[in-house]
Amino acid sequence: MVHKKNPSSENIITNTRYWVKSTVIHYNLCPFASQVFAGDKVGFEVSAATTEEQLLEDCLLAIQQMLATPREELETSLLIHPHVMNDFSDYNDFLGMIDVLLEETELAGIMQVASFHPDYCFADSDVDDAANFTNRSPYPMLHLLREESISEAIEEWTERSLDVEQIPVRNIETLRKLGADILADQLQACYREESE
């Protein structure tokens, strides 16, 4: 990825918000994202962490802040960490530490952490497979979700006679039709200049 080496936290959030709107919502990759984003219930936080330990601390603090904030104000949050875990292999290994953190703090079953990275690649997937763009983001980030919110969203989806399990299948079909080259260009377009 070629982008500004030291963007400000404000610029990083602007770029990430642009990605959520232009990719996640535009292609309906998450059917539940649009309403939450429009209601300004998505938290965007930039971590200054440069080590695994610092990022774990920031992740726990962000989770605690979410749980202390009413859902009508903060439904979900993106913890963006541009200064650490830029290598996808390291990032992927780090996700296991997040699982341990949730278990040790008795937050497993209460919170869930989803993963996004500029070089995201699913296991046994070709690096050039367009399907990887379902989880490719401008910066490495951790998506903090309340299990309660997920359960309610799935229940609402099911009540509308829609199959939640078809969401990833449909996403893969949509992105493969677009192609990796177009999606890579669109991801690159998320890096807005400071002055914009």
C-alpha atoms as a PDB file:
ATOM      1  CA  MET A   1       0.000   0.000   0.000  1.00  0.00           C
ATOM      2  CA  VAL A   2       1.266   3.474  -0.887  1.00  0.00           C
ATOM      3  CA  HIS A   3      -0.132   6.165   1.349  1.00  0.00           C
ATOM      4  CA  LYS A   4       0.860   9.023   3.615  1.00  0.00           C
ATOM      5  CA  LYS A   5       3.531   7.789   6.045  1.00  0.00           C
ATOM      6  CA  ASN A   6       2.485   9.785   9.097  1.00  0.00           C
ATOM      7  CA  PRO A   7      -1.144  10.852   8.797  1.00  0.00           C
ATOM      8  CA  SER A   8      -2.764  12.464  11.819  1.00  0.00           C
ATOM      9  CA  SER A   9      -5.252  10.522  13.937  1.00  0.00           C
ATOM     10  CA  GLU A  10      -7.981  12.768  12.539  1.00  0.00           C
ATOM     11  CA  ASN A  11      -6.951  11.894   8.989  1.00  0.00           C
ATOM     12  CA  ILE A  12      -6.828   8.174   9.818  1.00  0.00           C
ATOM     13  CA  ILE A  13     -10.385   8.343  11.149  1.00  0.00           C
ATOM     14  CA  THR A  14     -11.528  10.294   8.089  1.00  0.00           C
ATOM     15  CA  ASN A  15      -9.999   7.658   5.819  1.00  0.00           C
ATOM     16  CA  THR A  16     -11.550   4.838   7.803  1.00  0.00           C
ATOM     17  CA  ARG A  17     -14.987   6.453   7.772  1.00  0.00           C
ATOM     18  CA  TYR A  18     -14.637   6.843   3.998  1.00  0.00           C
ATOM     19  CA  TRP A  19     -13.833   3.126   3.717  1.00  0.00           C
ATOM     20  CA  VAL A  20     -16.842   2.133   5.826  1.00  0.00           C
ATOM     21  CA  LYS A  21     -19.139   4.243   3.656  1.00  0.00           C
ATOM     22  CA  SER A  22     -17.596   3.554   0.231  1.00  0.00           C
ATOM     23  CA  THR A  23     -16.961  -0.157   0.672  1.00  0.00           C
ATOM     24  CA  VAL A  24     -18.675  -1.812   3.645  1.00  0.00           C
ATOM     25  CA  ILE A  25     -21.954   0.062   3.234  1.00  0.00           C
ATOM     26  CA  HIS A  26     -21.805   0.657  -0.533  1.00  0.00           C
ATOM     27  CA  TYR A  27     -21.467  -3.062  -1.253  1.00  0.00           C
ATOM     28  CA  ASN A  28     -23.675  -4.003   1.702  1.00  0.00           C
ATOM     29  CA  LEU A  29     -20.952  -6.275   3.084  1.00  0.00           C
ATOM     30  CA  CYS A  30     -22.571  -5.966   6.493  1.00  0.00           C
ATOM     31  CA  PRO A  31     -26.352  -5.446   6.262  1.00  0.00           C
ATOM     32  CA  PHE A  32     -26.363  -4.041   9.791  1.00  0.00           C
ATOM     33  CA  ALA A  33     -23.692  -1.375   9.235  1.00  0.00           C
ATOM     34  CA  SER A  34     -25.692   1.277   7.407  1.00  0.00           C
ATOM     35  CA  GLN A  35     -28.198   1.993  10.164  1.00  0.00           C
ATOM     36  CA  VAL A  36     -25.556   2.082  12.909  1.00  0.00           C
ATOM     37  CA  PHE A  37     -23.254   4.318  10.835  1.00  0.00           C
ATOM     38  CA  ALA A  38     -26.092   6.687   9.900  1.00  0.00           C
ATOM     39  CA  GLY A  39     -27.089   6.901  13.557  1.00  0.00           C
ATOM     40  CA  ASP A  40     -23.534   7.930  14.483  1.00  0.00           C
ATOM     41  CA  LYS A  41     -23.211   4.936  16.822  1.00  0.00           C
ATOM     42  CA  VAL A  42     -19.847   3.724  15.517  1.00  0.00           C
ATOM     43  CA  GLY A  43     -16.819   4.660  17.583  1.00  0.00           C
ATOM     44  CA  PHE A  44     -13.543   5.388  15.786  1.00  0.00           C
ATOM     45  CA  GLU A  45     -10.426   5.331  17.942  1.00  0.00           C
ATOM     46  CA  VAL A  46      -6.779   5.463  16.883  1.00  0.00           C
ATOM     47  CA  SER A  47      -4.341   3.576  19.081  1.00  0.00           C
ATOM     48  CA  ALA A  48      -0.827   4.964  19.537  1.00  0.00           C
ATOM     49  CA  ALA A  49       0.393   1.470  20.451  1.00  0.00           C
ATOM     50  CA  THR A  50       3.706   0.304  19.010  1.00  0.00           C
ATOM     51  CA  THR A  51       3.862  -3.061  20.818  1.00  0.00           C
ATOM     52  CA  GLU A  52       1.541  -6.036  21.271  1.00  0.00           C
ATOM     53  CA  GLU A  53       1.267  -5.331  24.991  1.00  0.00           C
ATOM     54  CA  GLN A  54       0.223  -1.721  24.447  1.00  0.00           C
ATOM     55  CA  LEU A  55      -2.349  -2.756  21.862  1.00  0.00           C
ATOM     56  CA  LEU A  56      -3.839  -5.338  24.226  1.00  0.00           C
ATOM     57  CA  GLU A  57      -4.138  -2.632  26.886  1.00  0.00           C
ATOM     58  CA  ASP A  58      -5.785  -0.244  24.426  1.00  0.00           C
ATOM     59  CA  CYS A  59      -8.151  -2.971  23.272  1.00  0.00           C
ATOM     60  CA  LEU A  60      -9.246  -3.726  26.826  1.00  0.00           C
ATOM     61  CA  LEU A  61      -9.725  -0.011  27.570  1.00  0.00           C
ATOM     62  CA  ALA A  62     -11.791   0.433  24.389  1.00  0.00           C
ATOM     63  CA  ILE A  63     -13.967  -2.541  25.320  1.00  0.00           C
ATOM     64  CA  GLN A  64     -14.483  -1.229  28.844  1.00  0.00           C
ATOM     65  CA  GLN A  65     -15.422   2.173  27.431  1.00  0.00           C
ATOM     66  CA  MET A  66     -17.948   0.558  25.098  1.00  0.00           C
ATOM     67  CA  LEU A  67     -19.535  -1.439  27.901  1.00  0.00           C
ATOM     68  CA  ALA A  68     -19.750   1.700  30.043  1.00  0.00           C
ATOM     69  CA  THR A  69     -21.540   3.594  27.261  1.00  0.00           C
ATOM     70  CA  PRO A  70     -25.232   3.055  26.478  1.00  0.00           C
ATOM     71  CA  ARG A  71     -25.879   1.210  23.216  1.00  0.00           C
ATOM     72  CA  GLU A  72     -28.011   4.059  21.915  1.00  0.00           C
ATOM     73  CA  GLU A  73     -24.842   6.176  22.001  1.00  0.00           C
ATOM     74  CA  LEU A  74     -22.171   3.617  21.046  1.00  0.00           C
ATOM     75  CA  GLU A  75     -23.210   0.371  19.394  1.00  0.00           C
ATOM     76  CA  THR A  76     -19.853  -0.766  18.064  1.00  0.00           C
ATOM     77  CA  SER A  77     -16.306   0.528  17.741  1.00  0.00           C
ATOM     78  CA  LEU A  78     -13.270   0.345  15.466  1.00  0.00           C
ATOM     79  CA  LEU A  79      -9.894   0.388  17.206  1.00  0.00           C
ATOM     80  CA  ILE A  80      -7.441   1.412  14.485  1.00  0.00           C
ATOM     81  CA  HIS A  81      -3.764   0.645  15.175  1.00  0.00           C
ATOM     82  CA  PRO A  82      -1.585   2.014  12.341  1.00  0.00           C
ATOM     83  CA  HIS A  83       1.743   1.756  14.204  1.00  0.00           C
ATOM     84  CA  VAL A  84       1.732  -1.937  15.094  1.00  0.00           C
ATOM     85  CA  MET A  85       0.785  -5.253  13.423  1.00  0.00           C
ATOM     86  CA  ASN A  86       1.268  -3.935   9.902  1.00  0.00           C
ATOM     87  CA  ASP A  87       2.534  -7.357   8.857  1.00  0.00           C
ATOM     88  CA  PHE A  88      -0.535  -9.528   8.315  1.00  0.00           C
ATOM     89  CA  SER A  89       1.136 -12.686   9.611  1.00  0.00           C
ATOM     90  CA  ASP A  90       1.954 -10.947  12.914  1.00  0.00           C
ATOM     91  CA  TYR A  91      -1.545  -9.499  13.038  1.00  0.00           C
ATOM     92  CA  ASN A  92      -3.122 -12.894  12.438  1.00  0.00           C
ATOM     93  CA  ASP A  93      -1.067 -14.423  15.265  1.00  0.00           C
ATOM     94  CA  PHE A  94      -2.042 -11.519  17.535  1.00  0.00           C
ATOM     95  CA  LEU A  95      -5.741 -12.344  17.161  1.00  0.00           C
ATOM     96  CA  GLY A  96      -5.161 -15.401  19.322  1.00  0.00           C
ATOM     97  CA  MET A  97      -3.970 -13.085  22.100  1.00  0.00           C
ATOM     98  CA  ILE A  98      -7.235 -11.163  21.808  1.00  0.00           C
ATOM     99  CA  ASP A  99      -9.165 -14.406  22.360  1.00  0.00           C
ATOM    100  CA  VAL A 100      -7.064 -15.092  25.470  1.00  0.00           C
ATOM    101  CA  LEU A 101      -7.690 -11.537  26.696  1.00  0.00           C
ATOM    102  CA  LEU A 102     -11.467 -11.974  26.397  1.00  0.00           C
ATOM    103  CA  GLU A 103     -11.305 -15.290  28.261  1.00  0.00           C
ATOM    104  CA  GLU A 104      -9.084 -13.979  31.049  1.00  0.00           C
ATOM    105  CA  THR A 105     -11.240 -10.893  31.610  1.00  0.00           C
ATOM    106  CA  GLU A 106     -14.459 -12.957  31.440  1.00  0.00           C
ATOM    107  CA  LEU A 107     -15.601 -10.928  28.442  1.00  0.00           C
ATOM    108  CA  ALA A 108     -15.945 -13.918  26.117  1.00  0.00           C
ATOM    109  CA  GLY A 109     -19.646 -14.233  25.337  1.00  0.00           C
ATOM    110  CA  ILE A 110     -20.103 -10.530  26.062  1.00  0.00           C
ATOM    111  CA  MET A 111     -17.776  -9.044  23.456  1.00  0.00           C
ATOM    112  CA  GLN A 112     -16.522 -10.227  20.099  1.00  0.00           C
ATOM    113  CA  VAL A 113     -13.593  -8.873  18.103  1.00  0.00           C
ATOM    114  CA  ALA A 114     -13.607  -9.011  14.292  1.00  0.00           C
ATOM    115  CA  SER A 115     -10.460  -8.498  12.227  1.00  0.00           C
ATOM    116  CA  PHE A 116      -9.587  -6.146   9.360  1.00  0.00           C
ATOM    117  CA  HIS A 117      -6.196  -5.482   7.764  1.00  0.00           C
ATOM    118  CA  PRO A 118      -4.889  -3.941   4.499  1.00  0.00           C
ATOM    119  CA  ASP A 119      -3.328  -7.298   3.533  1.00  0.00           C
ATOM    120  CA  TYR A 120      -6.032  -9.573   4.916  1.00  0.00           C
ATOM    121  CA  CYS A 121      -5.962 -13.054   3.420  1.00  0.00           C
ATOM    122  CA  PHE A 122      -8.259 -15.886   4.424  1.00  0.00           C
ATOM    123  CA  ALA A 123      -6.679 -19.248   5.244  1.00  0.00           C
ATOM    124  CA  ASP A 124      -6.162 -21.407   2.140  1.00  0.00           C
ATOM    125  CA  SER A 125      -7.023 -18.401  -0.037  1.00  0.00           C
ATOM    126  CA  ASP A 126      -4.936 -16.961  -2.860  1.00  0.00           C
ATOM    127  CA  VAL A 127      -3.589 -13.525  -1.908  1.00  0.00           C
ATOM    128  CA  ASP A 128      -5.084 -12.094  -5.137  1.00  0.00           C
ATOM    129  CA  ASP A 129      -8.572 -13.501  -4.492  1.00  0.00           C
ATOM    130  CA  ALA A 130     -11.032 -10.581  -4.509  1.00  0.00           C
ATOM    131  CA  ALA A 131     -12.918 -12.288  -1.661  1.00  0.00           C
ATOM    132  CA  ASN A 132     -10.172 -11.140   0.731  1.00  0.00           C
ATOM    133  CA  PHE A 133     -11.428  -7.566   0.336  1.00  0.00           C
ATOM    134  CA  THR A 134     -14.374  -8.345   2.608  1.00  0.00           C
ATOM    135  CA  ASN A 135     -11.818  -7.892   5.405  1.00  0.00           C
ATOM    136  CA  ARG A 136      -9.293  -5.524   3.827  1.00  0.00           C
ATOM    137  CA  SER A 137      -9.261  -2.067   5.374  1.00  0.00           C
ATOM    138  CA  PRO A 138      -7.064   1.038   5.011  1.00  0.00           C
ATOM    139  CA  TYR A 139      -5.269   0.284   8.302  1.00  0.00           C
ATOM    140  CA  PRO A 140      -4.979  -2.677  10.672  1.00  0.00           C
ATOM    141  CA  MET A 141      -7.933  -2.521  13.033  1.00  0.00           C
ATOM    142  CA  LEU A 142     -10.003  -4.451  15.543  1.00  0.00           C
ATOM    143  CA  HIS A 143     -13.775  -4.280  15.289  1.00  0.00           C
ATOM    144  CA  LEU A 144     -15.309  -4.439  18.762  1.00  0.00           C
ATOM    145  CA  LEU A 145     -18.809  -5.868  18.846  1.00  0.00           C
ATOM    146  CA  ARG A 146     -21.314  -6.557  21.586  1.00  0.00           C
ATOM    147  CA  GLU A 147     -22.544 -10.160  21.471  1.00  0.00           C
ATOM    148  CA  GLU A 148     -25.977  -8.812  22.449  1.00  0.00           C
ATOM    149  CA  SER A 149     -26.033  -6.624  19.335  1.00  0.00           C
ATOM    150  CA  ILE A 150     -25.014  -9.521  17.102  1.00  0.00           C
ATOM    151  CA  SER A 151     -27.723 -11.779  18.528  1.00  0.00           C
ATOM    152  CA  GLU A 152     -30.400  -9.128  18.038  1.00  0.00           C
ATOM    153  CA  ALA A 153     -29.280  -8.426  14.474  1.00  0.00           C
ATOM    154  CA  ILE A 154     -29.362 -12.121  13.603  1.00  0.00           C
ATOM    155  CA  GLU A 155     -32.803 -12.493  15.179  1.00  0.00           C
ATOM    156  CA  GLU A 156     -34.132  -9.514  13.211  1.00  0.00           C
ATOM    157  CA  TRP A 157     -32.599 -10.903  10.009  1.00  0.00           C
ATOM    158  CA  THR A 158     -34.182 -14.316  10.647  1.00  0.00           C
ATOM    159  CA  GLU A 159     -37.602 -12.774  11.360  1.00  0.00           C
ATOM    160  CA  ARG A 160     -37.423 -11.231   7.888  1.00  0.00           C
ATOM    161  CA  SER A 161     -36.947 -14.769   6.511  1.00  0.00           C
ATOM    162  CA  LEU A 162     -33.389 -13.968   5.448  1.00  0.00           C
ATOM    163  CA  ASP A 163     -30.498 -16.403   5.839  1.00  0.00           C
ATOM    164  CA  VAL A 164     -27.611 -14.892   7.794  1.00  0.00           C
ATOM    165  CA  GLU A 165     -25.263 -17.632   6.582  1.00  0.00           C
ATOM    166  CA  GLN A 166     -25.742 -16.392   3.022  1.00  0.00           C
ATOM    167  CA  ILE A 167     -24.198 -12.980   3.831  1.00  0.00           C
ATOM    168  CA  PRO A 168     -20.547 -14.082   3.386  1.00  0.00           C
ATOM    169  CA  VAL A 169     -21.468 -16.173   0.337  1.00  0.00           C
ATOM    170  CA  ARG A 170     -23.149 -13.186  -1.296  1.00  0.00           C
ATOM    171  CA  ASN A 171     -20.243 -10.907  -0.355  1.00  0.00           C
ATOM    172  CA  ILE A 172     -17.716 -13.203  -2.008  1.00  0.00           C
ATOM    173  CA  GLU A 173     -19.822 -13.362  -5.183  1.00  0.00           C
ATOM    174  CA  THR A 174     -20.190  -9.563  -5.252  1.00  0.00           C
ATOM    175  CA  LEU A 175     -16.477  -8.876  -4.803  1.00  0.00           C
ATOM    176  CA  ARG A 176     -15.302 -11.520  -7.230  1.00  0.00           C
ATOM    177  CA  LYS A 177     -17.537 -10.017  -9.892  1.00  0.00           C
ATOM    178  CA  LEU A 178     -15.883  -6.638  -9.290  1.00  0.00           C
ATOM    179  CA  GLY A 179     -12.378  -8.105  -9.353  1.00  0.00           C
ATOM    180  CA  ALA A 180      -9.300  -7.570  -7.190  1.00  0.00           C
ATOM    181  CA  ASP A 181      -7.860  -4.765  -9.351  1.00  0.00           C
ATOM    182  CA  ILE A 182     -10.917  -2.523  -8.976  1.00  0.00           C
ATOM    183  CA  LEU A 183     -11.161  -3.273  -5.258  1.00  0.00           C
ATOM    184  CA  ALA A 184      -7.461  -2.524  -4.728  1.00  0.00           C
ATOM    185  CA  ASP A 185      -7.907   0.841  -6.454  1.00  0.00           C
ATOM    186  CA  GLN A 186     -10.916   1.608  -4.277  1.00  0.00           C
ATOM    187  CA  LEU A 187      -9.000   0.716  -1.123  1.00  0.00           C
ATOM    188  CA  GLN A 188      -6.148   2.960  -2.246  1.00  0.00           C
ATOM    189  CA  ALA A 189      -8.664   5.779  -2.777  1.00  0.00           C
ATOM    190  CA  CYS A 190      -9.439   5.681   0.954  1.00  0.00           C
ATOM    191  CA  TYR A 191      -6.150   7.418   1.720  1.00  0.00           C
ATOM    192  CA  ARG A 192      -7.363  11.004   1.612  1.00  0.00           C
ATOM    193  CA  GLU A 193      -4.988  13.937   1.897  1.00  0.00           C
ATOM    194  CA  GLU A 194      -4.884  15.920   5.136  1.00  0.00           C
ATOM    195  CA  SER A 195      -6.366  18.956   3.425  1.00  0.00           C
ATOM    196  CA  GLU A 196      -9.425  17.161   2.051  1.00  0.00           C
END
